[in-house]
Amino acid sequence: MRNMNPARALAWQRHIVAVREELGLPHDGTGTCSINVAAIDSIDTNSGHDLTDFAMDSRFDLIVAVWPHHSDTPQKHVIALRSLTGCELIDSEFIEAGRKQPLSLYLPERDQHLVVDGRGNLAVQAGCPVADLPRARRRAAARLRKAEARLSTMPDWAAFDAYAVPPSRRAPSIYATFV
């Protein structure tokens, strides 16, 4: 793993915890949850393959925040979404369908959205659940920022695992994966 500025590492960890909270996942995990959250510094073909391999090997759908160098916020989010026939890396956007509802992920390329179901899995649903998509994106981003701001220190239940991409691939590290 590369040397990382501690403040940057904490920002990544705060974002990961905020994503879990705002998706409605319980702090102590579930026996059936198949969702994990990670952060990386950039994405290319090699790291995309590594992310999908990691998702398949770990048996988790993987929501990934992509943080460009010298940025305070993620550039975008992608999801390594598993299926019966493999795993795809898909661009995704957080949206807020309602103030009292957990955030969901919109997949613009597919016109689908993902919600966390009662078993802690991502359920694919058709279409976009909101009429004003730009507003839903802004509200989701504001909720994530507020959740991150509440985390001055990491909660006791938050644990992170550094996963290093094989050096032969020369892809960026997946820094913090919530376990």
N, C-alpha and C. Protein backbone atom coordinates (compact mmCIF):
# COMPACT_ATOMS: atom_id res chain seq x y z
N MET A 1 0.84 -1.17 0.00
CA MET A 1 0.00 0.00 0.00
C MET A 1 0.89 1.23 0.00
N ARG A 2 0.48 2.24 -0.71
CA ARG A 2 1.24 3.48 -0.77
C ARG A 2 1.19 4.19 0.57
N ASN A 3 2.19 5.04 0.81
CA ASN A 3 2.12 5.90 1.98
C ASN A 3 0.99 6.87 1.76
N MET A 4 0.14 7.01 2.76
CA MET A 4 -1.00 7.88 2.61
C MET A 4 -1.04 8.89 3.73
N ASN A 5 -1.35 10.10 3.40
CA ASN A 5 -1.54 11.15 4.38
C ASN A 5 -2.62 10.69 5.35
N PRO A 6 -2.37 10.76 6.68
CA PRO A 6 -3.37 10.30 7.65
C PRO A 6 -4.71 11.03 7.53
N ALA A 7 -4.67 12.32 7.21
CA ALA A 7 -5.92 13.07 7.05
C ALA A 7 -6.71 12.55 5.86
N ARG A 8 -6.02 12.20 4.78
CA ARG A 8 -6.71 11.64 3.60
C ARG A 8 -7.29 10.28 3.93
N ALA A 9 -6.53 9.46 4.64
CA ALA A 9 -7.03 8.14 5.04
C ALA A 9 -8.27 8.29 5.91
N LEU A 10 -8.27 9.23 6.84
CA LEU A 10 -9.44 9.44 7.69
C LEU A 10 -10.63 9.91 6.87
N ALA A 11 -10.40 10.76 5.88
CA ALA A 11 -11.49 11.22 5.01
C ALA A 11 -12.11 10.04 4.27
N TRP A 12 -11.27 9.13 3.77
CA TRP A 12 -11.79 7.95 3.08
C TRP A 12 -12.61 7.11 4.05
N GLN A 13 -12.10 6.91 5.25
CA GLN A 13 -12.80 6.09 6.24
C GLN A 13 -14.13 6.73 6.63
N ARG A 14 -14.13 8.04 6.84
CA ARG A 14 -15.39 8.73 7.16
C ARG A 14 -16.41 8.53 6.05
N HIS A 15 -15.96 8.65 4.82
CA HIS A 15 -16.88 8.49 3.69
C HIS A 15 -17.45 7.07 3.65
N ILE A 16 -16.60 6.09 3.87
CA ILE A 16 -17.05 4.70 3.85
C ILE A 16 -18.10 4.45 4.94
N VAL A 17 -17.85 4.94 6.14
CA VAL A 17 -18.81 4.77 7.23
C VAL A 17 -20.11 5.52 6.92
N ALA A 18 -19.99 6.75 6.37
CA ALA A 18 -21.18 7.54 6.02
C ALA A 18 -22.02 6.82 4.96
N VAL A 19 -21.37 6.24 3.97
CA VAL A 19 -22.11 5.51 2.94
C VAL A 19 -22.89 4.36 3.57
N ARG A 20 -22.23 3.59 4.42
CA ARG A 20 -22.92 2.47 5.09
C ARG A 20 -24.12 2.97 5.89
N GLU A 21 -23.92 4.03 6.66
CA GLU A 21 -25.02 4.56 7.48
C GLU A 21 -26.17 5.05 6.62
N GLU A 22 -25.86 5.81 5.58
CA GLU A 22 -26.91 6.41 4.76
C GLU A 22 -27.61 5.40 3.86
N LEU A 23 -27.00 4.26 3.61
CA LEU A 23 -27.69 3.17 2.90
C LEU A 23 -28.64 2.41 3.83
N GLY A 24 -28.51 2.66 5.14
CA GLY A 24 -29.37 2.01 6.10
C GLY A 24 -28.83 0.69 6.62
N LEU A 25 -27.54 0.44 6.44
CA LEU A 25 -26.95 -0.80 6.94
C LEU A 25 -26.67 -0.67 8.43
N PRO A 26 -26.93 -1.71 9.20
CA PRO A 26 -26.69 -1.63 10.64
C PRO A 26 -25.20 -1.58 10.96
N HIS A 27 -24.86 -0.96 12.07
CA HIS A 27 -23.46 -0.81 12.48
C HIS A 27 -22.79 -2.14 12.75
N ASP A 28 -23.51 -3.05 13.33
CA ASP A 28 -22.89 -4.31 13.74
C ASP A 28 -22.94 -5.38 12.66
N GLY A 29 -23.31 -5.01 11.46
CA GLY A 29 -23.37 -5.97 10.36
C GLY A 29 -24.60 -6.84 10.45
N THR A 30 -24.72 -7.71 9.50
CA THR A 30 -25.84 -8.66 9.49
C THR A 30 -25.28 -10.01 9.09
N GLY A 31 -26.02 -11.03 9.36
CA GLY A 31 -25.60 -12.36 8.96
C GLY A 31 -25.72 -12.60 7.48
N THR A 32 -26.51 -11.77 6.81
CA THR A 32 -26.77 -12.00 5.40
C THR A 32 -26.26 -10.90 4.49
N CYS A 33 -25.71 -9.83 5.04
CA CYS A 33 -25.30 -8.68 4.23
C CYS A 33 -24.25 -9.07 3.19
N SER A 34 -24.45 -8.60 1.98
CA SER A 34 -23.49 -8.89 0.91
C SER A 34 -23.05 -7.60 0.22
N ILE A 35 -22.92 -6.53 1.02
CA ILE A 35 -22.51 -5.23 0.48
C ILE A 35 -21.26 -4.79 1.23
N ASN A 36 -20.28 -4.32 0.48
CA ASN A 36 -19.08 -3.77 1.10
C ASN A 36 -18.79 -2.43 0.43
N VAL A 37 -18.02 -1.58 1.11
CA VAL A 37 -17.71 -0.25 0.62
C VAL A 37 -16.21 -0.08 0.65
N ALA A 38 -15.66 0.53 -0.40
CA ALA A 38 -14.21 0.72 -0.49
C ALA A 38 -13.91 2.09 -1.09
N ALA A 39 -12.63 2.44 -1.06
CA ALA A 39 -12.17 3.67 -1.67
C ALA A 39 -10.85 3.40 -2.38
N ILE A 40 -10.68 4.00 -3.54
CA ILE A 40 -9.42 3.88 -4.28
C ILE A 40 -9.06 5.26 -4.81
N ASP A 41 -7.80 5.40 -5.24
CA ASP A 41 -7.37 6.72 -5.68
C ASP A 41 -7.58 6.99 -7.16
N SER A 42 -7.72 5.97 -7.97
CA SER A 42 -8.03 6.15 -9.39
C SER A 42 -8.51 4.82 -9.92
N ILE A 43 -9.09 4.86 -11.10
CA ILE A 43 -9.60 3.64 -11.68
C ILE A 43 -9.21 3.57 -13.15
N ASP A 44 -8.78 2.40 -13.56
CA ASP A 44 -8.45 2.14 -14.95
C ASP A 44 -8.86 0.69 -15.24
N THR A 45 -8.50 0.20 -16.40
CA THR A 45 -8.91 -1.15 -16.78
C THR A 45 -8.39 -2.19 -15.80
N ASN A 46 -7.10 -2.08 -15.43
CA ASN A 46 -6.52 -3.07 -14.51
C ASN A 46 -7.18 -3.02 -13.14
N SER A 47 -7.34 -1.82 -12.59
CA SER A 47 -7.95 -1.74 -11.26
C SER A 47 -9.42 -2.14 -11.33
N GLY A 48 -10.08 -1.90 -12.46
CA GLY A 48 -11.45 -2.36 -12.63
C GLY A 48 -11.55 -3.87 -12.55
N HIS A 49 -10.62 -4.56 -13.21
CA HIS A 49 -10.57 -6.02 -13.12
C HIS A 49 -10.30 -6.47 -11.69
N ASP A 50 -9.38 -5.77 -11.01
CA ASP A 50 -9.07 -6.11 -9.62
C ASP A 50 -10.30 -5.94 -8.72
N LEU A 51 -11.06 -4.87 -8.95
CA LEU A 51 -12.26 -4.65 -8.14
C LEU A 51 -13.30 -5.75 -8.35
N THR A 52 -13.52 -6.12 -9.59
CA THR A 52 -14.51 -7.18 -9.84
C THR A 52 -14.01 -8.52 -9.31
N ASP A 53 -12.72 -8.79 -9.44
CA ASP A 53 -12.16 -10.02 -8.86
C ASP A 53 -12.33 -10.03 -7.35
N PHE A 54 -12.04 -8.90 -6.72
CA PHE A 54 -12.17 -8.79 -5.27
C PHE A 54 -13.63 -9.02 -4.85
N ALA A 55 -14.57 -8.42 -5.59
CA ALA A 55 -15.99 -8.59 -5.27
C ALA A 55 -16.40 -10.06 -5.38
N MET A 56 -15.97 -10.71 -6.44
CA MET A 56 -16.32 -12.12 -6.62
C MET A 56 -15.68 -12.99 -5.54
N ASP A 57 -14.40 -12.77 -5.26
CA ASP A 57 -13.70 -13.57 -4.26
C ASP A 57 -14.28 -13.38 -2.86
N SER A 58 -14.66 -12.15 -2.53
CA SER A 58 -15.17 -11.86 -1.19
C SER A 58 -16.67 -12.11 -1.06
N ARG A 59 -17.35 -12.33 -2.20
CA ARG A 59 -18.79 -12.55 -2.23
C ARG A 59 -19.59 -11.36 -1.72
N PHE A 60 -19.12 -10.16 -2.07
CA PHE A 60 -19.79 -8.91 -1.74
C PHE A 60 -19.95 -8.09 -3.00
N ASP A 61 -21.10 -7.41 -3.15
CA ASP A 61 -21.18 -6.33 -4.11
C ASP A 61 -20.37 -5.21 -3.50
N LEU A 62 -19.58 -4.52 -4.31
CA LEU A 62 -18.62 -3.56 -3.78
C LEU A 62 -18.92 -2.16 -4.31
N ILE A 63 -19.28 -1.25 -3.41
CA ILE A 63 -19.49 0.16 -3.75
C ILE A 63 -18.14 0.85 -3.55
N VAL A 64 -17.65 1.51 -4.59
CA VAL A 64 -16.29 2.07 -4.55
C VAL A 64 -16.33 3.57 -4.81
N ALA A 65 -15.76 4.32 -3.88
CA ALA A 65 -15.57 5.76 -4.06
C ALA A 65 -14.21 5.97 -4.73
N VAL A 66 -14.20 6.71 -5.82
CA VAL A 66 -12.96 7.00 -6.55
C VAL A 66 -12.52 8.41 -6.19
N TRP A 67 -11.39 8.52 -5.49
CA TRP A 67 -10.87 9.79 -4.98
C TRP A 67 -9.65 10.20 -5.80
N PRO A 68 -9.76 11.19 -6.67
CA PRO A 68 -8.57 11.64 -7.39
C PRO A 68 -7.58 12.28 -6.42
N HIS A 69 -6.31 12.28 -6.82
CA HIS A 69 -5.28 12.89 -5.99
C HIS A 69 -5.62 14.35 -5.70
N HIS A 70 -5.32 14.78 -4.50
CA HIS A 70 -5.50 16.18 -4.08
C HIS A 70 -6.96 16.61 -4.13
N SER A 71 -7.88 15.71 -3.86
CA SER A 71 -9.29 16.05 -3.84
C SER A 71 -9.86 15.76 -2.45
N ASP A 72 -10.79 16.60 -2.03
CA ASP A 72 -11.44 16.43 -0.73
C ASP A 72 -12.68 15.56 -0.81
N THR A 73 -13.15 15.30 -2.01
CA THR A 73 -14.36 14.51 -2.19
C THR A 73 -14.16 13.49 -3.30
N PRO A 74 -14.95 12.42 -3.28
CA PRO A 74 -14.83 11.45 -4.37
C PRO A 74 -15.25 12.07 -5.71
N GLN A 75 -14.56 11.66 -6.76
CA GLN A 75 -14.90 12.11 -8.11
C GLN A 75 -16.18 11.43 -8.58
N LYS A 76 -16.29 10.13 -8.23
CA LYS A 76 -17.46 9.37 -8.63
C LYS A 76 -17.52 8.10 -7.79
N HIS A 77 -18.61 7.37 -7.98
CA HIS A 77 -18.77 6.06 -7.34
C HIS A 77 -19.06 5.04 -8.44
N VAL A 78 -18.47 3.88 -8.28
CA VAL A 78 -18.76 2.75 -9.15
C VAL A 78 -19.18 1.60 -8.26
N ILE A 79 -19.82 0.63 -8.86
CA ILE A 79 -20.19 -0.55 -8.10
C ILE A 79 -19.78 -1.80 -8.87
N ALA A 80 -19.14 -2.70 -8.16
CA ALA A 80 -18.85 -4.02 -8.72
C ALA A 80 -20.05 -4.87 -8.33
N LEU A 81 -20.93 -5.08 -9.29
CA LEU A 81 -22.21 -5.74 -9.06
C LEU A 81 -22.15 -7.17 -9.58
N ARG A 82 -22.28 -8.12 -8.67
CA ARG A 82 -22.19 -9.53 -9.03
C ARG A 82 -23.52 -10.03 -9.58
N SER A 83 -23.43 -11.04 -10.43
CA SER A 83 -24.61 -11.71 -10.97
C SER A 83 -24.30 -13.20 -11.04
N LEU A 84 -25.23 -13.97 -11.54
CA LEU A 84 -25.01 -15.41 -11.66
C LEU A 84 -23.89 -15.74 -12.64
N THR A 85 -23.65 -14.84 -13.60
CA THR A 85 -22.67 -15.12 -14.64
C THR A 85 -21.36 -14.36 -14.51
N GLY A 86 -21.20 -13.56 -13.47
CA GLY A 86 -19.95 -12.83 -13.30
C GLY A 86 -20.15 -11.57 -12.49
N CYS A 87 -19.36 -10.55 -12.82
CA CYS A 87 -19.38 -9.29 -12.08
C CYS A 87 -19.10 -8.16 -13.06
N GLU A 88 -19.86 -7.08 -12.94
CA GLU A 88 -19.67 -5.92 -13.81
C GLU A 88 -19.33 -4.71 -12.96
N LEU A 89 -18.53 -3.82 -13.50
CA LEU A 89 -18.22 -2.55 -12.86
C LEU A 89 -19.07 -1.48 -13.53
N ILE A 90 -19.93 -0.84 -12.76
CA ILE A 90 -20.93 0.07 -13.31
C ILE A 90 -20.85 1.42 -12.61
N ASP A 91 -20.89 2.52 -13.38
CA ASP A 91 -20.97 3.85 -12.78
C ASP A 91 -22.28 3.97 -12.02
N SER A 92 -22.23 4.61 -10.85
CA SER A 92 -23.43 4.77 -10.04
C SER A 92 -23.42 6.14 -9.38
N GLU A 93 -24.60 6.57 -8.99
CA GLU A 93 -24.77 7.87 -8.33
C GLU A 93 -25.68 7.67 -7.14
N PHE A 94 -25.32 8.27 -6.00
CA PHE A 94 -26.22 8.23 -4.86
C PHE A 94 -27.36 9.20 -5.10
N ILE A 95 -28.57 8.77 -4.74
CA ILE A 95 -29.74 9.64 -4.84
C ILE A 95 -30.57 9.49 -3.57
N GLU A 96 -31.30 10.55 -3.27
CA GLU A 96 -32.22 10.53 -2.14
C GLU A 96 -33.64 10.53 -2.71
N ALA A 97 -34.36 9.44 -2.47
CA ALA A 97 -35.75 9.35 -2.94
C ALA A 97 -36.71 10.00 -1.95
N GLY A 98 -36.32 10.08 -0.70
CA GLY A 98 -37.12 10.71 0.34
C GLY A 98 -36.25 10.97 1.56
N ARG A 99 -36.57 12.03 2.29
CA ARG A 99 -35.72 12.43 3.42
C ARG A 99 -35.63 11.37 4.51
N LYS A 100 -36.66 10.59 4.69
CA LYS A 100 -36.65 9.58 5.74
C LYS A 100 -36.30 8.19 5.22
N GLN A 101 -35.97 8.12 3.96
CA GLN A 101 -35.59 6.84 3.35
C GLN A 101 -34.08 6.74 3.23
N PRO A 102 -33.55 5.51 3.29
CA PRO A 102 -32.11 5.35 3.03
C PRO A 102 -31.79 5.79 1.60
N LEU A 103 -30.54 6.18 1.40
CA LEU A 103 -30.11 6.52 0.04
C LEU A 103 -30.17 5.28 -0.85
N SER A 104 -30.27 5.51 -2.13
CA SER A 104 -30.19 4.41 -3.09
C SER A 104 -29.15 4.80 -4.14
N LEU A 105 -28.80 3.85 -4.96
CA LEU A 105 -27.81 4.06 -6.02
C LEU A 105 -28.51 4.01 -7.37
N TYR A 106 -28.33 5.05 -8.15
CA TYR A 106 -28.90 5.08 -9.49
C TYR A 106 -27.82 4.68 -10.49
N LEU A 107 -28.19 3.82 -11.43
CA LEU A 107 -27.28 3.36 -12.48
C LEU A 107 -27.74 4.00 -13.79
N PRO A 108 -27.18 5.16 -14.16
CA PRO A 108 -27.69 5.89 -15.33
C PRO A 108 -27.58 5.12 -16.64
N GLU A 109 -26.53 4.30 -16.78
CA GLU A 109 -26.36 3.56 -18.03
C GLU A 109 -27.46 2.53 -18.24
N ARG A 110 -28.08 2.09 -17.17
CA ARG A 110 -29.10 1.04 -17.25
C ARG A 110 -30.50 1.54 -16.93
N ASP A 111 -30.62 2.77 -16.49
CA ASP A 111 -31.88 3.31 -15.98
C ASP A 111 -32.48 2.34 -14.95
N GLN A 112 -31.66 2.00 -13.97
CA GLN A 112 -32.07 1.17 -12.84
C GLN A 112 -31.56 1.82 -11.57
N HIS A 113 -32.15 1.41 -10.45
CA HIS A 113 -31.60 1.85 -9.18
C HIS A 113 -31.51 0.66 -8.24
N LEU A 114 -30.61 0.80 -7.27
CA LEU A 114 -30.36 -0.26 -6.31
C LEU A 114 -30.75 0.22 -4.93
N VAL A 115 -31.46 -0.62 -4.21
CA VAL A 115 -31.82 -0.34 -2.82
C VAL A 115 -31.36 -1.51 -1.97
N VAL A 116 -31.12 -1.23 -0.70
CA VAL A 116 -30.77 -2.30 0.23
C VAL A 116 -32.06 -2.95 0.68
N ASP A 117 -32.16 -4.26 0.47
CA ASP A 117 -33.38 -4.96 0.87
C ASP A 117 -33.29 -5.38 2.34
N GLY A 118 -34.31 -6.03 2.83
CA GLY A 118 -34.40 -6.43 4.22
C GLY A 118 -33.34 -7.43 4.65
N ARG A 119 -32.68 -8.07 3.70
CA ARG A 119 -31.62 -9.03 4.03
C ARG A 119 -30.23 -8.42 3.95
N GLY A 120 -30.15 -7.14 3.62
CA GLY A 120 -28.85 -6.49 3.51
C GLY A 120 -28.18 -6.73 2.17
N ASN A 121 -28.96 -7.00 1.15
CA ASN A 121 -28.45 -7.19 -0.20
C ASN A 121 -28.92 -6.05 -1.09
N LEU A 122 -28.21 -5.81 -2.17
CA LEU A 122 -28.65 -4.80 -3.13
C LEU A 122 -29.69 -5.40 -4.06
N ALA A 123 -30.84 -4.78 -4.11
CA ALA A 123 -31.92 -5.22 -4.98
C ALA A 123 -32.01 -4.27 -6.17
N VAL A 124 -32.01 -4.82 -7.37
CA VAL A 124 -32.09 -4.02 -8.60
C VAL A 124 -33.56 -3.74 -8.88
N GLN A 125 -33.87 -2.46 -9.12
CA GLN A 125 -35.23 -2.05 -9.46
C GLN A 125 -35.18 -1.20 -10.72
N ALA A 126 -36.22 -1.30 -11.52
CA ALA A 126 -36.27 -0.59 -12.80
C ALA A 126 -36.49 0.90 -12.60
N GLY A 127 -35.91 1.68 -13.51
CA GLY A 127 -36.17 3.11 -13.56
C GLY A 127 -35.51 3.90 -12.45
N CYS A 128 -35.82 5.18 -12.47
CA CYS A 128 -35.32 6.11 -11.45
C CYS A 128 -36.51 6.46 -10.56
N PRO A 129 -36.36 6.34 -9.23
CA PRO A 129 -37.50 6.55 -8.35
C PRO A 129 -37.85 8.02 -8.09
N VAL A 130 -37.13 8.95 -8.72
CA VAL A 130 -37.38 10.37 -8.49
C VAL A 130 -37.62 11.07 -9.82
N ALA A 131 -38.41 12.15 -9.78
CA ALA A 131 -38.67 12.92 -10.99
C ALA A 131 -37.56 13.94 -11.25
N ASP A 132 -36.98 14.48 -10.19
CA ASP A 132 -35.94 15.51 -10.31
C ASP A 132 -34.60 14.90 -9.91
N LEU A 133 -33.91 14.28 -10.87
CA LEU A 133 -32.66 13.58 -10.61
C LEU A 133 -31.55 14.50 -10.10
N PRO A 134 -31.33 15.68 -10.69
CA PRO A 134 -30.28 16.56 -10.16
C PRO A 134 -30.51 16.92 -8.68
N ARG A 135 -31.75 17.18 -8.32
CA ARG A 135 -32.07 17.50 -6.92
C ARG A 135 -31.80 16.30 -6.01
N ALA A 136 -32.17 15.10 -6.46
CA ALA A 136 -31.95 13.89 -5.67
C ALA A 136 -30.46 13.64 -5.47
N ARG A 137 -29.64 13.94 -6.48
CA ARG A 137 -28.18 13.82 -6.35
C ARG A 137 -27.63 14.80 -5.33
N ARG A 138 -28.08 16.07 -5.43
CA ARG A 138 -27.60 17.10 -4.50
C ARG A 138 -27.97 16.74 -3.06
N ARG A 139 -29.19 16.29 -2.86
CA ARG A 139 -29.63 15.93 -1.50
C ARG A 139 -28.83 14.74 -0.95
N ALA A 140 -28.56 13.78 -1.79
CA ALA A 140 -27.76 12.63 -1.35
C ALA A 140 -26.35 13.07 -0.98
N ALA A 141 -25.76 13.93 -1.81
CA ALA A 141 -24.40 14.42 -1.52
C ALA A 141 -24.39 15.20 -0.20
N ALA A 142 -25.41 16.01 0.03
CA ALA A 142 -25.49 16.77 1.28
C ALA A 142 -25.63 15.84 2.49
N ARG A 143 -26.43 14.80 2.36
CA ARG A 143 -26.57 13.83 3.46
C ARG A 143 -25.26 13.13 3.76
N LEU A 144 -24.53 12.74 2.72
CA LEU A 144 -23.24 12.09 2.94
C LEU A 144 -22.25 13.05 3.61
N ARG A 145 -22.23 14.32 3.18
CA ARG A 145 -21.33 15.29 3.80
C ARG A 145 -21.67 15.49 5.28
N LYS A 146 -22.96 15.57 5.60
CA LYS A 146 -23.38 15.73 7.00
C LYS A 146 -23.00 14.51 7.83
N ALA A 147 -23.19 13.33 7.27
CA ALA A 147 -22.83 12.10 7.98
C ALA A 147 -21.32 12.05 8.21
N GLU A 148 -20.53 12.45 7.22
CA GLU A 148 -19.08 12.48 7.37
C GLU A 148 -18.66 13.48 8.45
N ALA A 149 -19.31 14.64 8.47
CA ALA A 149 -18.97 15.68 9.44
C ALA A 149 -19.24 15.23 10.88
N ARG A 150 -20.24 14.38 11.07
CA ARG A 150 -20.55 13.88 12.41
C ARG A 150 -19.47 12.94 12.94
N LEU A 151 -18.64 12.43 12.06
CA LEU A 151 -17.64 11.43 12.44
C LEU A 151 -16.29 12.09 12.72
N SER A 152 -16.18 12.75 13.87
CA SER A 152 -14.90 13.38 14.21
C SER A 152 -13.86 12.31 14.54
N THR A 153 -14.30 11.20 15.09
CA THR A 153 -13.45 10.03 15.29
C THR A 153 -14.20 8.82 14.78
N MET A 154 -13.48 7.77 14.49
CA MET A 154 -14.12 6.56 13.99
C MET A 154 -14.84 5.85 15.13
N PRO A 155 -16.07 5.42 14.88
CA PRO A 155 -16.79 4.67 15.91
C PRO A 155 -16.09 3.35 16.22
N ASP A 156 -16.34 2.83 17.42
CA ASP A 156 -15.70 1.58 17.83
C ASP A 156 -16.03 0.42 16.89
N TRP A 157 -17.21 0.45 16.30
CA TRP A 157 -17.62 -0.68 15.46
C TRP A 157 -17.00 -0.64 14.07
N ALA A 158 -16.37 0.46 13.70
CA ALA A 158 -15.79 0.58 12.36
C ALA A 158 -14.42 -0.08 12.32
N ALA A 159 -14.26 -1.02 11.43
CA ALA A 159 -12.98 -1.69 11.24
C ALA A 159 -12.64 -1.65 9.76
N PHE A 160 -11.38 -1.49 9.45
CA PHE A 160 -10.96 -1.36 8.07
C PHE A 160 -9.87 -2.37 7.75
N ASP A 161 -9.86 -2.80 6.51
CA ASP A 161 -8.88 -3.78 6.07
C ASP A 161 -8.24 -3.24 4.80
N ALA A 162 -6.94 -3.12 4.80
CA ALA A 162 -6.24 -2.67 3.59
C ALA A 162 -6.07 -3.85 2.66
N TYR A 163 -6.47 -3.67 1.43
CA TYR A 163 -6.34 -4.72 0.42
C TYR A 163 -5.42 -4.20 -0.66
N ALA A 164 -4.30 -4.81 -0.80
CA ALA A 164 -3.34 -4.35 -1.81
C ALA A 164 -3.54 -5.13 -3.10
N VAL A 165 -3.62 -4.41 -4.18
CA VAL A 165 -3.73 -5.02 -5.50
C VAL A 165 -2.40 -5.70 -5.81
N PRO A 166 -2.41 -6.84 -6.48
CA PRO A 166 -1.14 -7.49 -6.82
C PRO A 166 -0.19 -6.52 -7.53
N PRO A 167 1.07 -6.42 -7.05
CA PRO A 167 1.98 -5.43 -7.63
C PRO A 167 2.25 -5.63 -9.11
N SER A 168 2.07 -6.84 -9.61
CA SER A 168 2.32 -7.06 -11.03
C SER A 168 1.31 -6.32 -11.90
N ARG A 169 0.15 -6.01 -11.35
CA ARG A 169 -0.87 -5.30 -12.12
C ARG A 169 -0.60 -3.80 -12.16
N ARG A 170 0.16 -3.29 -11.18
CA ARG A 170 0.49 -1.87 -11.09
C ARG A 170 -0.75 -1.00 -11.05
N ALA A 171 -1.78 -1.49 -10.43
CA ALA A 171 -3.01 -0.72 -10.28
C ALA A 171 -2.99 -0.02 -8.93
N PRO A 172 -3.82 0.97 -8.74
CA PRO A 172 -3.86 1.66 -7.45
C PRO A 172 -4.37 0.72 -6.34
N SER A 173 -4.02 1.06 -5.12
CA SER A 173 -4.44 0.26 -3.98
C SER A 173 -5.91 0.49 -3.69
N ILE A 174 -6.56 -0.55 -3.22
CA ILE A 174 -7.86 -0.39 -2.61
C ILE A 174 -7.53 -0.16 -1.15
N TYR A 175 -7.76 1.03 -0.66
CA TYR A 175 -7.24 1.35 0.66
C TYR A 175 -8.09 0.78 1.78
N ALA A 176 -9.30 1.21 1.91
CA ALA A 176 -10.06 0.83 3.09
C ALA A 176 -11.35 0.14 2.69
N THR A 177 -11.47 -1.10 3.05
CA THR A 177 -12.70 -1.83 2.82
C THR A 177 -13.32 -2.13 4.16
N PHE A 178 -14.56 -1.75 4.35
CA PHE A 178 -15.22 -2.00 5.61
C PHE A 178 -15.44 -3.49 5.78
N VAL A 179 -15.09 -4.02 6.94
CA VAL A 179 -15.28 -5.45 7.19
C VAL A 179 -16.14 -5.64 8.42
